[in-house]
PDB file of all heavy atoms in Angstrom:
ATOM      1  N   MET A   1       8.657  18.658   5.774  1.00  0.00           N
ATOM      2  CA  MET A   1       7.542  18.965   6.667  1.00  0.00           C
ATOM      3  C   MET A   1       8.006  19.588   7.987  1.00  0.00           C
ATOM      4  O   MET A   1       7.195  19.820   8.880  1.00  0.00           O
ATOM      5  CB  MET A   1       6.714  17.702   6.913  1.00  0.00           C
ATOM      6  CG  MET A   1       6.061  17.197   5.631  1.00  0.00           C
ATOM      7  SD  MET A   1       4.935  15.825   5.886  1.00  0.00           S
ATOM      8  CE  MET A   1       3.551  16.684   6.658  1.00  0.00           C
ATOM      9  N   ASN A   2       9.310  19.841   8.099  1.00  0.00           N
ATOM     10  CA  ASN A   2       9.894  20.462   9.291  1.00  0.00           C
ATOM     11  C   ASN A   2       9.635  19.665  10.570  1.00  0.00           C
ATOM     12  O   ASN A   2       9.433  20.235  11.642  1.00  0.00           O
ATOM     13  CB  ASN A   2       9.403  21.902   9.471  1.00  0.00           C
ATOM     14  CG  ASN A   2       9.888  22.793   8.373  1.00  0.00           C
ATOM     15  OD1 ASN A   2      11.058  22.770   8.016  1.00  0.00           O
ATOM     16  ND2 ASN A   2       8.985  23.575   7.796  1.00  0.00           N
ATOM     17  N   TYR A   3       9.647  18.355  10.439  1.00  0.00           N
ATOM     18  CA  TYR A   3       9.469  17.495  11.605  1.00  0.00           C
ATOM     19  C   TYR A   3      10.790  17.334  12.345  1.00  0.00           C
ATOM     20  O   TYR A   3      11.864  17.442  11.760  1.00  0.00           O
ATOM     21  CB  TYR A   3       8.968  16.114  11.201  1.00  0.00           C
ATOM     22  CG  TYR A   3       7.495  16.052  10.860  1.00  0.00           C
ATOM     23  CD1 TYR A   3       7.003  14.996  10.111  1.00  0.00           C
ATOM     24  CD2 TYR A   3       6.596  17.010  11.284  1.00  0.00           C
ATOM     25  CE1 TYR A   3       5.652  14.907   9.798  1.00  0.00           C
ATOM     26  CE2 TYR A   3       5.255  16.934  10.983  1.00  0.00           C
ATOM     27  CZ  TYR A   3       4.793  15.882  10.241  1.00  0.00           C
ATOM     28  OH  TYR A   3       3.464  15.790   9.940  1.00  0.00           O
ATOM     29  N   LYS A   4      10.688  17.045  13.612  1.00  0.00           N
ATOM     30  CA  LYS A   4      11.831  16.740  14.465  1.00  0.00           C
ATOM     31  C   LYS A   4      11.568  15.393  15.131  1.00  0.00           C
ATOM     32  O   LYS A   4      10.543  15.211  15.783  1.00  0.00           O
ATOM     33  CB  LYS A   4      12.022  17.813  15.547  1.00  0.00           C
ATOM     34  CG  LYS A   4      12.199  19.217  14.998  1.00  0.00           C
ATOM     35  CD  LYS A   4      13.544  19.393  14.343  1.00  0.00           C
ATOM     36  CE  LYS A   4      13.740  20.836  13.937  1.00  0.00           C
ATOM     37  NZ  LYS A   4      13.959  21.031  12.538  1.00  0.00           N
ATOM     38  N   GLN A   5      12.457  14.462  14.939  1.00  0.00           N
ATOM     39  CA  GLN A   5      12.394  13.136  15.557  1.00  0.00           C
ATOM     40  C   GLN A   5      11.075  12.406  15.277  1.00  0.00           C
ATOM     41  O   GLN A   5      10.480  11.788  16.158  1.00  0.00           O
ATOM     42  CB  GLN A   5      12.632  13.250  17.061  1.00  0.00           C
ATOM     43  CG  GLN A   5      13.995  13.822  17.378  1.00  0.00           C
ATOM     44  CD  GLN A   5      14.257  13.933  18.862  1.00  0.00           C
ATOM     45  OE1 GLN A   5      13.409  13.656  19.690  1.00  0.00           O
ATOM     46  NE2 GLN A   5      15.466  14.355  19.193  1.00  0.00           N
ATOM     47  N   ARG A   6      10.630  12.479  14.030  1.00  0.00           N
ATOM     48  CA  ARG A   6       9.386  11.807  13.656  1.00  0.00           C
ATOM     49  C   ARG A   6       9.567  10.873  12.460  1.00  0.00           C
ATOM     50  O   ARG A   6       8.621  10.582  11.740  1.00  0.00           O
ATOM     51  CB  ARG A   6       8.293  12.828  13.360  1.00  0.00           C
ATOM     52  CG  ARG A   6       7.908  13.641  14.568  1.00  0.00           C
ATOM     53  CD  ARG A   6       6.536  14.230  14.422  1.00  0.00           C
ATOM     54  NE  ARG A   6       6.225  15.088  15.540  1.00  0.00           N
ATOM     55  CZ  ARG A   6       5.437  14.729  16.532  1.00  0.00           C
ATOM     56  NH1 ARG A   6       4.910  13.537  16.566  1.00  0.00           N
ATOM     57  NH2 ARG A   6       5.180  15.561  17.505  1.00  0.00           N
ATOM     58  N   LEU A   7      10.798  10.396  12.259  1.00  0.00           N
ATOM     59  CA  LEU A   7      11.035   9.490  11.142  1.00  0.00           C
ATOM     60  C   LEU A   7      10.190   8.217  11.218  1.00  0.00           C
ATOM     61  O   LEU A   7       9.655   7.785  10.190  1.00  0.00           O
ATOM     62  CB  LEU A   7      12.517   9.153  11.015  1.00  0.00           C
ATOM     63  CG  LEU A   7      13.316  10.251  10.306  1.00  0.00           C
ATOM     64  CD1 LEU A   7      14.807  10.056  10.539  1.00  0.00           C
ATOM     65  CD2 LEU A   7      12.996  10.273   8.835  1.00  0.00           C
ATOM     66  N   PRO A   8      10.011   7.602  12.391  1.00  0.00           N
ATOM     67  CA  PRO A   8       9.137   6.424  12.436  1.00  0.00           C
ATOM     68  C   PRO A   8       7.711   6.735  11.962  1.00  0.00           C
ATOM     69  O   PRO A   8       7.086   5.930  11.278  1.00  0.00           O
ATOM     70  CB  PRO A   8       9.162   6.000  13.902  1.00  0.00           C
ATOM     71  CG  PRO A   8      10.498   6.483  14.388  1.00  0.00           C
ATOM     72  CD  PRO A   8      10.700   7.805  13.677  1.00  0.00           C
ATOM     73  N   LEU A   9       7.220   7.910  12.302  1.00  0.00           N
ATOM     74  CA  LEU A   9       5.886   8.321  11.866  1.00  0.00           C
ATOM     75  C   LEU A   9       5.818   8.407  10.344  1.00  0.00           C
ATOM     76  O   LEU A   9       4.878   7.903   9.722  1.00  0.00           O
ATOM     77  CB  LEU A   9       5.519   9.674  12.474  1.00  0.00           C
ATOM     78  CG  LEU A   9       4.266  10.313  11.900  1.00  0.00           C
ATOM     79  CD1 LEU A   9       3.062   9.922  12.725  1.00  0.00           C
ATOM     80  CD2 LEU A   9       4.408  11.811  11.831  1.00  0.00           C
ATOM     81  N   VAL A  10       6.815   9.040   9.736  1.00  0.00           N
ATOM     82  CA  VAL A  10       6.852   9.187   8.280  1.00  0.00           C
ATOM     83  C   VAL A  10       6.911   7.812   7.623  1.00  0.00           C
ATOM     84  O   VAL A  10       6.153   7.529   6.680  1.00  0.00           O
ATOM     85  CB  VAL A  10       8.042  10.069   7.841  1.00  0.00           C
ATOM     86  CG1 VAL A  10       8.186  10.067   6.324  1.00  0.00           C
ATOM     87  CG2 VAL A  10       7.881  11.494   8.358  1.00  0.00           C
ATOM     88  N   CYS A  11       7.760   6.944   8.121  1.00  0.00           N
ATOM     89  CA  CYS A  11       7.901   5.603   7.540  1.00  0.00           C
ATOM     90  C   CYS A  11       6.618   4.792   7.692  1.00  0.00           C
ATOM     91  O   CYS A  11       6.206   4.097   6.756  1.00  0.00           O
ATOM     92  CB  CYS A  11       9.077   4.868   8.177  1.00  0.00           C
ATOM     93  SG  CYS A  11      10.678   5.594   7.756  1.00  0.00           S
ATOM     94  N   THR A  12       5.993   4.898   8.834  1.00  0.00           N
ATOM     95  CA  THR A  12       4.744   4.178   9.052  1.00  0.00           C
ATOM     96  C   THR A  12       3.645   4.689   8.124  1.00  0.00           C
ATOM     97  O   THR A  12       2.888   3.902   7.552  1.00  0.00           O
ATOM     98  CB  THR A  12       4.301   4.295  10.522  1.00  0.00           C
ATOM     99  OG1 THR A  12       5.324   3.728  11.351  1.00  0.00           O
ATOM    100  CG2 THR A  12       2.987   3.585  10.773  1.00  0.00           C
ATOM    101  N   ALA A  13       3.573   6.002   7.957  1.00  0.00           N
ATOM    102  CA  ALA A  13       2.554   6.582   7.082  1.00  0.00           C
ATOM    103  C   ALA A  13       2.754   6.138   5.630  1.00  0.00           C
ATOM    104  O   ALA A  13       1.788   5.793   4.941  1.00  0.00           O
ATOM    105  CB  ALA A  13       2.582   8.109   7.174  1.00  0.00           C
ATOM    106  N   LEU A  14       4.002   6.130   5.176  1.00  0.00           N
ATOM    107  CA  LEU A  14       4.280   5.732   3.796  1.00  0.00           C
ATOM    108  C   LEU A  14       4.126   4.228   3.581  1.00  0.00           C
ATOM    109  O   LEU A  14       3.798   3.784   2.483  1.00  0.00           O
ATOM    110  CB  LEU A  14       5.684   6.163   3.387  1.00  0.00           C
ATOM    111  CG  LEU A  14       5.898   7.657   3.233  1.00  0.00           C
ATOM    112  CD1 LEU A  14       7.368   7.966   2.976  1.00  0.00           C
ATOM    113  CD2 LEU A  14       5.037   8.208   2.112  1.00  0.00           C
ATOM    114  N   GLY A  15       4.337   3.461   4.623  1.00  0.00           N
ATOM    115  CA  GLY A  15       4.258   2.010   4.506  1.00  0.00           C
ATOM    116  C   GLY A  15       2.862   1.449   4.692  1.00  0.00           C
ATOM    117  O   GLY A  15       2.649   0.249   4.520  1.00  0.00           O
ATOM    118  N   ALA A  16       1.911   2.300   4.991  1.00  0.00           N
ATOM    119  CA  ALA A  16       0.557   1.838   5.277  1.00  0.00           C
ATOM    120  C   ALA A  16      -0.248   1.586   4.000  1.00  0.00           C
ATOM    121  O   ALA A  16      -0.120   2.323   3.013  1.00  0.00           O
ATOM    122  CB  ALA A  16      -0.169   2.867   6.144  1.00  0.00           C
ATOM    123  N   ASN A  17      -1.086   0.566   4.060  1.00  0.00           N
ATOM    124  CA  ASN A  17      -2.001   0.309   2.944  1.00  0.00           C
ATOM    125  C   ASN A  17      -2.912   1.508   2.701  1.00  0.00           C
ATOM    126  O   ASN A  17      -3.326   1.753   1.574  1.00  0.00           O
ATOM    127  CB  ASN A  17      -2.844  -0.938   3.216  1.00  0.00           C
ATOM    128  CG  ASN A  17      -2.017  -2.198   3.159  1.00  0.00           C
ATOM    129  OD1 ASN A  17      -0.960  -2.252   2.536  1.00  0.00           O
ATOM    130  ND2 ASN A  17      -2.500  -3.234   3.831  1.00  0.00           N
ATOM    131  N   LYS A  18      -3.199   2.247   3.738  1.00  0.00           N
ATOM    132  CA  LYS A  18      -4.046   3.431   3.633  1.00  0.00           C
ATOM    133  C   LYS A  18      -3.450   4.437   2.637  1.00  0.00           C
ATOM    134  O   LYS A  18      -4.176   5.063   1.864  1.00  0.00           O
ATOM    135  CB  LYS A  18      -4.219   4.078   5.011  1.00  0.00           C
ATOM    136  CG  LYS A  18      -5.171   5.232   5.050  1.00  0.00           C
ATOM    137  CD  LYS A  18      -5.365   5.709   6.491  1.00  0.00           C
ATOM    138  CE  LYS A  18      -6.354   6.855   6.572  1.00  0.00           C
ATOM    139  NZ  LYS A  18      -6.594   7.272   7.952  1.00  0.00           N
ATOM    140  N   PHE A  19      -2.132   4.592   2.640  1.00  0.00           N
ATOM    141  CA  PHE A  19      -1.492   5.501   1.692  1.00  0.00           C
ATOM    142  C   PHE A  19      -1.665   5.002   0.270  1.00  0.00           C
ATOM    143  O   PHE A  19      -1.986   5.776  -0.638  1.00  0.00           O
ATOM    144  CB  PHE A  19      -0.003   5.686   2.018  1.00  0.00           C
ATOM    145  CG  PHE A  19       0.711   6.563   1.027  1.00  0.00           C
ATOM    146  CD1 PHE A  19       0.381   7.899   0.910  1.00  0.00           C
ATOM    147  CD2 PHE A  19       1.692   6.054   0.204  1.00  0.00           C
ATOM    148  CE1 PHE A  19       1.020   8.721  -0.015  1.00  0.00           C
ATOM    149  CE2 PHE A  19       2.344   6.862  -0.714  1.00  0.00           C
ATOM    150  CZ  PHE A  19       2.001   8.203  -0.818  1.00  0.00           C
ATOM    151  N   GLU A  20      -1.463   3.707   0.061  1.00  0.00           N
ATOM    152  CA  GLU A  20      -1.622   3.139  -1.274  1.00  0.00           C
ATOM    153  C   GLU A  20      -3.029   3.393  -1.811  1.00  0.00           C
ATOM    154  O   GLU A  20      -3.193   3.791  -2.969  1.00  0.00           O
ATOM    155  CB  GLU A  20      -1.345   1.635  -1.256  1.00  0.00           C
ATOM    156  CG  GLU A  20       0.103   1.295  -0.970  1.00  0.00           C
ATOM    157  CD  GLU A  20       0.353  -0.194  -1.005  1.00  0.00           C
ATOM    158  OE1 GLU A  20      -0.020  -0.835  -2.008  1.00  0.00           O
ATOM    159  OE2 GLU A  20       0.917  -0.712  -0.027  1.00  0.00           O
ATOM    160  N   GLU A  21      -4.026   3.179  -0.978  1.00  0.00           N
ATOM    161  CA  GLU A  21      -5.415   3.365  -1.392  1.00  0.00           C
ATOM    162  C   GLU A  21      -5.732   4.817  -1.706  1.00  0.00           C
ATOM    163  O   GLU A  21      -6.327   5.118  -2.736  1.00  0.00           O
ATOM    164  CB  GLU A  21      -6.350   2.838  -0.305  1.00  0.00           C
ATOM    165  CG  GLU A  21      -6.275   1.339  -0.112  1.00  0.00           C
ATOM    166  CD  GLU A  21      -6.999   0.863   1.135  1.00  0.00           C
ATOM    167  OE1 GLU A  21      -7.719   1.662   1.775  1.00  0.00           O
ATOM    168  OE2 GLU A  21      -6.828  -0.321   1.486  1.00  0.00           O
ATOM    169  N   MET A  22      -5.336   5.719  -0.813  1.00  0.00           N
ATOM    170  CA  MET A  22      -5.714   7.125  -1.018  1.00  0.00           C
ATOM    171  C   MET A  22      -4.923   7.804  -2.121  1.00  0.00           C
ATOM    172  O   MET A  22      -5.412   8.725  -2.754  1.00  0.00           O
ATOM    173  CB  MET A  22      -5.634   7.921   0.284  1.00  0.00           C
ATOM    174  CG  MET A  22      -4.264   8.058   0.912  1.00  0.00           C
ATOM    175  SD  MET A  22      -3.265   9.462   0.411  1.00  0.00           S
ATOM    176  CE  MET A  22      -4.254  10.815   0.912  1.00  0.00           C
ATOM    177  N   ALA A  23      -3.702   7.319  -2.392  1.00  0.00           N
ATOM    178  CA  ALA A  23      -2.862   7.949  -3.409  1.00  0.00           C
ATOM    179  C   ALA A  23      -2.951   7.249  -4.765  1.00  0.00           C
ATOM    180  O   ALA A  23      -2.438   7.760  -5.753  1.00  0.00           O
ATOM    181  CB  ALA A  23      -1.411   7.985  -2.940  1.00  0.00           C
ATOM    182  N   GLY A  24      -3.574   6.090  -4.801  1.00  0.00           N
ATOM    183  CA  GLY A  24      -3.675   5.352  -6.056  1.00  0.00           C
ATOM    184  C   GLY A  24      -2.332   4.809  -6.514  1.00  0.00           C
ATOM    185  O   GLY A  24      -1.965   4.935  -7.678  1.00  0.00           O
ATOM    186  N   VAL A  25      -1.606   4.217  -5.570  1.00  0.00           N
ATOM    187  CA  VAL A  25      -0.292   3.643  -5.867  1.00  0.00           C
ATOM    188  C   VAL A  25      -0.218   2.230  -5.297  1.00  0.00           C
ATOM    189  O   VAL A  25      -1.035   1.841  -4.461  1.00  0.00           O
ATOM    190  CB  VAL A  25       0.862   4.503  -5.291  1.00  0.00           C
ATOM    191  CG1 VAL A  25       0.884   5.881  -5.927  1.00  0.00           C
ATOM    192  CG2 VAL A  25       0.771   4.617  -3.771  1.00  0.00           C
ATOM    193  N   LYS A  26       0.783   1.486  -5.746  1.00  0.00           N
ATOM    194  CA  LYS A  26       1.056   0.150  -5.216  1.00  0.00           C
ATOM    195  C   LYS A  26       2.517   0.097  -4.828  1.00  0.00           C
ATOM    196  O   LYS A  26       3.399   0.362  -5.653  1.00  0.00           O
ATOM    197  CB  LYS A  26       0.753  -0.905  -6.289  1.00  0.00           C
ATOM    198  CG  LYS A  26       1.041  -2.311  -5.860  1.00  0.00           C
ATOM    199  CD  LYS A  26       0.094  -2.759  -4.788  1.00  0.00           C
ATOM    200  CE  LYS A  26       0.373  -4.225  -4.420  1.00  0.00           C
ATOM    201  NZ  LYS A  26      -0.237  -4.585  -3.177  1.00  0.00           N
ATOM    202  N   ARG A  27       2.793  -0.212  -3.566  1.00  0.00           N
ATOM    203  CA  ARG A  27       4.173  -0.300  -3.086  1.00  0.00           C
ATOM    204  C   ARG A  27       4.834  -1.508  -3.740  1.00  0.00           C
ATOM    205  O   ARG A  27       4.318  -2.610  -3.704  1.00  0.00           O
ATOM    206  CB  ARG A  27       4.192  -0.419  -1.564  1.00  0.00           C
ATOM    207  CG  ARG A  27       5.575  -0.372  -0.952  1.00  0.00           C
ATOM    208  CD  ARG A  27       5.549  -0.393   0.570  1.00  0.00           C
ATOM    209  NE  ARG A  27       4.748  -1.472   1.123  1.00  0.00           N
ATOM    210  CZ  ARG A  27       3.564  -1.306   1.727  1.00  0.00           C
ATOM    211  NH1 ARG A  27       3.049  -0.102   1.855  1.00  0.00           N
ATOM    212  NH2 ARG A  27       2.897  -2.336   2.193  1.00  0.00           N
ATOM    213  N   VAL A  28       6.007  -1.268  -4.354  1.00  0.00           N
ATOM    214  CA  VAL A  28       6.728  -2.362  -5.008  1.00  0.00           C
ATOM    215  C   VAL A  28       8.031  -2.709  -4.299  1.00  0.00           C
ATOM    216  O   VAL A  28       8.561  -3.801  -4.496  1.00  0.00           O
ATOM    217  CB  VAL A  28       6.995  -2.075  -6.502  1.00  0.00           C
ATOM    218  CG1 VAL A  28       5.686  -2.015  -7.264  1.00  0.00           C
ATOM    219  CG2 VAL A  28       7.790  -0.809  -6.704  1.00  0.00           C
ATOM    220  N   ASN A  29       8.541  -1.796  -3.461  1.00  0.00           N
ATOM    221  CA  ASN A  29       9.800  -2.063  -2.781  1.00  0.00           C
ATOM    222  C   ASN A  29      10.013  -1.067  -1.642  1.00  0.00           C
ATOM    223  O   ASN A  29       9.544   0.066  -1.707  1.00  0.00           O
ATOM    224  CB  ASN A  29      10.966  -1.960  -3.767  1.00  0.00           C
ATOM    225  CG  ASN A  29      12.228  -2.602  -3.244  1.00  0.00           C
ATOM    226  OD1 ASN A  29      12.213  -3.417  -2.341  1.00  0.00           O
ATOM    227  ND2 ASN A  29      13.351  -2.219  -3.835  1.00  0.00           N
ATOM    228  N   VAL A  30      10.720  -1.532  -0.623  1.00  0.00           N
ATOM    229  CA  VAL A  30      11.175  -0.664   0.463  1.00  0.00           C
ATOM    230  C   VAL A  30      12.616  -1.068   0.746  1.00  0.00           C
ATOM    231  O   VAL A  30      12.904  -2.240   0.953  1.00  0.00           O
ATOM    232  CB  VAL A  30      10.332  -0.831   1.746  1.00  0.00           C
ATOM    233  CG1 VAL A  30      10.849   0.083   2.845  1.00  0.00           C
ATOM    234  CG2 VAL A  30       8.866  -0.570   1.476  1.00  0.00           C
ATOM    235  N   THR A  31      13.514  -0.088   0.712  1.00  0.00           N
ATOM    236  CA  THR A  31      14.916  -0.357   1.011  1.00  0.00           C
ATOM    237  C   THR A  31      15.386   0.577   2.114  1.00  0.00           C
ATOM    238  O   THR A  31      14.778   1.607   2.372  1.00  0.00           O
ATOM    239  CB  THR A  31      15.814  -0.167  -0.236  1.00  0.00           C
ATOM    240  OG1 THR A  31      15.686   1.185  -0.702  1.00  0.00           O
ATOM    241  CG2 THR A  31      15.416  -1.122  -1.347  1.00  0.00           C
ATOM    242  N   GLY A  32      16.488   0.201   2.730  1.00  0.00           N
ATOM    243  CA  GLY A  32      17.066   1.032   3.783  1.00  0.00           C
ATOM    244  C   GLY A  32      16.550   0.645   5.152  1.00  0.00           C
ATOM    245  O   GLY A  32      15.806  -0.324   5.307  1.00  0.00           O
ATOM    246  N   PRO A  33      16.934   1.429   6.150  1.00  0.00           N
ATOM    247  CA  PRO A  33      16.539   1.133   7.522  1.00  0.00           C
ATOM    248  C   PRO A  33      15.026   1.272   7.702  1.00  0.00           C
ATOM    249  O   PRO A  33      14.400   2.138   7.096  1.00  0.00           O
ATOM    250  CB  PRO A  33      17.292   2.167   8.354  1.00  0.00           C
ATOM    251  CG  PRO A  33      17.620   3.259   7.406  1.00  0.00           C
ATOM    252  CD  PRO A  33      17.747   2.636   6.054  1.00  0.00           C
ATOM    253  N   THR A  34      14.473   0.433   8.531  1.00  0.00           N
ATOM    254  CA  THR A  34      13.028   0.373   8.717  1.00  0.00           C
ATOM    255  C   THR A  34      12.413   1.728   9.059  1.00  0.00           C
ATOM    256  O   THR A  34      11.397   2.102   8.492  1.00  0.00           O
ATOM    257  CB  THR A  34      12.674  -0.641   9.827  1.00  0.00           C
ATOM    258  OG1 THR A  34      13.258  -1.898   9.491  1.00  0.00           O
ATOM    259  CG2 THR A  34      11.188  -0.791   9.968  1.00  0.00           C
ATOM    260  N   ASN A  35      12.995   2.443   9.976  1.00  0.00           N
ATOM    261  CA  ASN A  35      12.431   3.730  10.401  1.00  0.00           C
ATOM    262  C   ASN A  35      13.452   4.855  10.308  1.00  0.00           C
ATOM    263  O   ASN A  35      13.442   5.773  11.112  1.00  0.00           O
ATOM    264  CB  ASN A  35      11.900   3.628  11.828  1.00  0.00           C
ATOM    265  CG  ASN A  35      10.636   2.821  11.914  1.00  0.00           C
ATOM    266  OD1 ASN A  35       9.737   2.981  11.100  1.00  0.00           O
ATOM    267  ND2 ASN A  35      10.563   1.943  12.884  1.00  0.00           N
ATOM    268  N   GLY A  36      14.316   4.795   9.307  1.00  0.00           N
ATOM    269  CA  GLY A  36      15.371   5.790   9.197  1.00  0.00           C
ATOM    270  C   GLY A  36      15.190   6.750   8.037  1.00  0.00           C
ATOM    271  O   GLY A  36      14.335   6.566   7.173  1.00  0.00           O
ATOM    272  N   ALA A  37      16.027   7.755   8.025  1.00  0.00           N
ATOM    273  CA  ALA A  37      15.970   8.783   6.984  1.00  0.00           C
ATOM    274  C   ALA A  37      16.190   8.212   5.593  1.00  0.00           C
ATOM    275  O   ALA A  37      15.642   8.709   4.616  1.00  0.00           O
ATOM    276  CB  ALA A  37      16.996   9.876   7.270  1.00  0.00           C
ATOM    277  N   ASN A  38      16.995   7.156   5.502  1.00  0.00           N
ATOM    278  CA  ASN A  38      17.313   6.587   4.192  1.00  0.00           C
ATOM    279  C   ASN A  38      16.392   5.443   3.788  1.00  0.00           C
ATOM    280  O   ASN A  38      16.711   4.700   2.858  1.00  0.00           O
ATOM    281  CB  ASN A  38      18.772   6.146   4.150  1.00  0.00           C
ATOM    282  CG  ASN A  38      19.696   7.349   4.125  1.00  0.00           C
ATOM    283  OD1 ASN A  38      19.419   8.341   3.462  1.00  0.00           O
ATOM    284  ND2 ASN A  38      20.776   7.283   4.869  1.00  0.00           N
ATOM    285  N   ALA A  39      15.268   5.324   4.445  1.00  0.00           N
ATOM    286  CA  ALA A  39      14.253   4.367   4.001  1.00  0.00           C
ATOM    287  C   ALA A  39      13.648   4.927   2.712  1.00  0.00           C
ATOM    288  O   ALA A  39      13.211   6.076   2.666  1.00  0.00           O
ATOM    289  CB  ALA A  39      13.165   4.190   5.061  1.00  0.00           C
ATOM    290  N   ILE A  40      13.680   4.124   1.672  1.00  0.00           N
ATOM    291  CA  ILE A  40      13.162   4.551   0.377  1.00  0.00           C
ATOM    292  C   ILE A  40      11.988   3.660  -0.004  1.00  0.00           C
ATOM    293  O   ILE A  40      12.138   2.435  -0.118  1.00  0.00           O
ATOM    294  CB  ILE A  40      14.256   4.523  -0.704  1.00  0.00           C
ATOM    295  CG1 ILE A  40      15.374   5.490  -0.296  1.00  0.00           C
ATOM    296  CG2 ILE A  40      13.676   4.878  -2.076  1.00  0.00           C
ATOM    297  CD1 ILE A  40      16.588   5.462  -1.184  1.00  0.00           C
ATOM    298  N   PHE A  41      10.851   4.278  -0.207  1.00  0.00           N
ATOM    299  CA  PHE A  41       9.626   3.590  -0.587  1.00  0.00           C
ATOM    300  C   PHE A  41       9.409   3.798  -2.080  1.00  0.00           C
ATOM    301  O   PHE A  41       9.341   4.939  -2.553  1.00  0.00           O
ATOM    302  CB  PHE A  41       8.439   4.161   0.198  1.00  0.00           C
ATOM    303  CG  PHE A  41       8.532   3.921   1.675  1.00  0.00           C
ATOM    304  CD1 PHE A  41       9.333   4.736   2.475  1.00  0.00           C
ATOM    305  CD2 PHE A  41       7.866   2.876   2.269  1.00  0.00           C
ATOM    306  CE1 PHE A  41       9.424   4.529   3.837  1.00  0.00           C
ATOM    307  CE2 PHE A  41       7.950   2.651   3.638  1.00  0.00           C
ATOM    308  CZ  PHE A  41       8.732   3.473   4.424  1.00  0.00           C
ATOM    309  N   THR A  42       9.296   2.700  -2.814  1.00  0.00           N
ATOM    310  CA  THR A  42       9.099   2.775  -4.256  1.00  0.00           C
ATOM    311  C   THR A  42       7.679   2.307  -4.552  1.00  0.00           C
ATOM    312  O   THR A  42       7.247   1.254  -4.070  1.00  0.00           O
ATOM    313  CB  THR A  42      10.128   1.918  -5.007  1.00  0.00           C
ATOM    314  OG1 THR A  42      11.442   2.377  -4.634  1.00  0.00           O
ATOM    315  CG2 THR A  42       9.958   2.042  -6.507  1.00  0.00           C
ATOM    316  N   PHE A  43       6.984   3.097  -5.351  1.00  0.00           N
ATOM    317  CA  PHE A  43       5.593   2.826  -5.686  1.00  0.00           C
ATOM    318  C   PHE A  43       5.376   2.828  -7.184  1.00  0.00           C
ATOM    319  O   PHE A  43       6.022   3.569  -7.915  1.00  0.00           O
ATOM    320  CB  PHE A  43       4.668   3.918  -5.093  1.00  0.00           C
ATOM    321  CG  PHE A  43       4.728   4.035  -3.604  1.00  0.00           C
ATOM    322  CD1 PHE A  43       5.568   4.951  -3.005  1.00  0.00           C
ATOM    323  CD2 PHE A  43       3.936   3.223  -2.800  1.00  0.00           C
ATOM    324  CE1 PHE A  43       5.620   5.067  -1.624  1.00  0.00           C
ATOM    325  CE2 PHE A  43       3.996   3.338  -1.416  1.00  0.00           C
ATOM    326  CZ  PHE A  43       4.839   4.259  -0.834  1.00  0.00           C
ATOM    327  N   ARG A  44       4.434   2.000  -7.617  1.00  0.00           N
ATOM    328  CA  ARG A  44       3.956   2.042  -8.995  1.00  0.00           C
ATOM    329  C   ARG A  44       2.672   2.860  -8.984  1.00  0.00           C
ATOM    330  O   ARG A  44       1.774   2.635  -8.174  1.00  0.00           O
ATOM    331  CB  ARG A  44       3.667   0.629  -9.515  1.00  0.00           C
ATOM    332  CG  ARG A  44       3.270   0.612 -10.995  1.00  0.00           C
ATOM    333  CD  ARG A  44       3.024  -0.789 -11.525  1.00  0.00           C
ATOM    334  NE  ARG A  44       1.727  -1.259 -11.021  1.00  0.00           N
ATOM    335  CZ  ARG A  44       1.537  -2.301 -10.238  1.00  0.00           C
ATOM    336  NH1 ARG A  44       2.542  -3.034  -9.837  1.00  0.00           N
ATOM    337  NH2 ARG A  44       0.334  -2.637  -9.844  1.00  0.00           N
TER     338      ARG A  44
END
């Protein structure tokens, strides 16, 4: 998305229940640093 210094924003957006609802997914795991580039969100 060509963002600069917005990793916390990306992590917050992916970690929100709002994303699960609108995308039709269920978060099953989050690994890595809380607001870092290597935060990996796994969804069913």
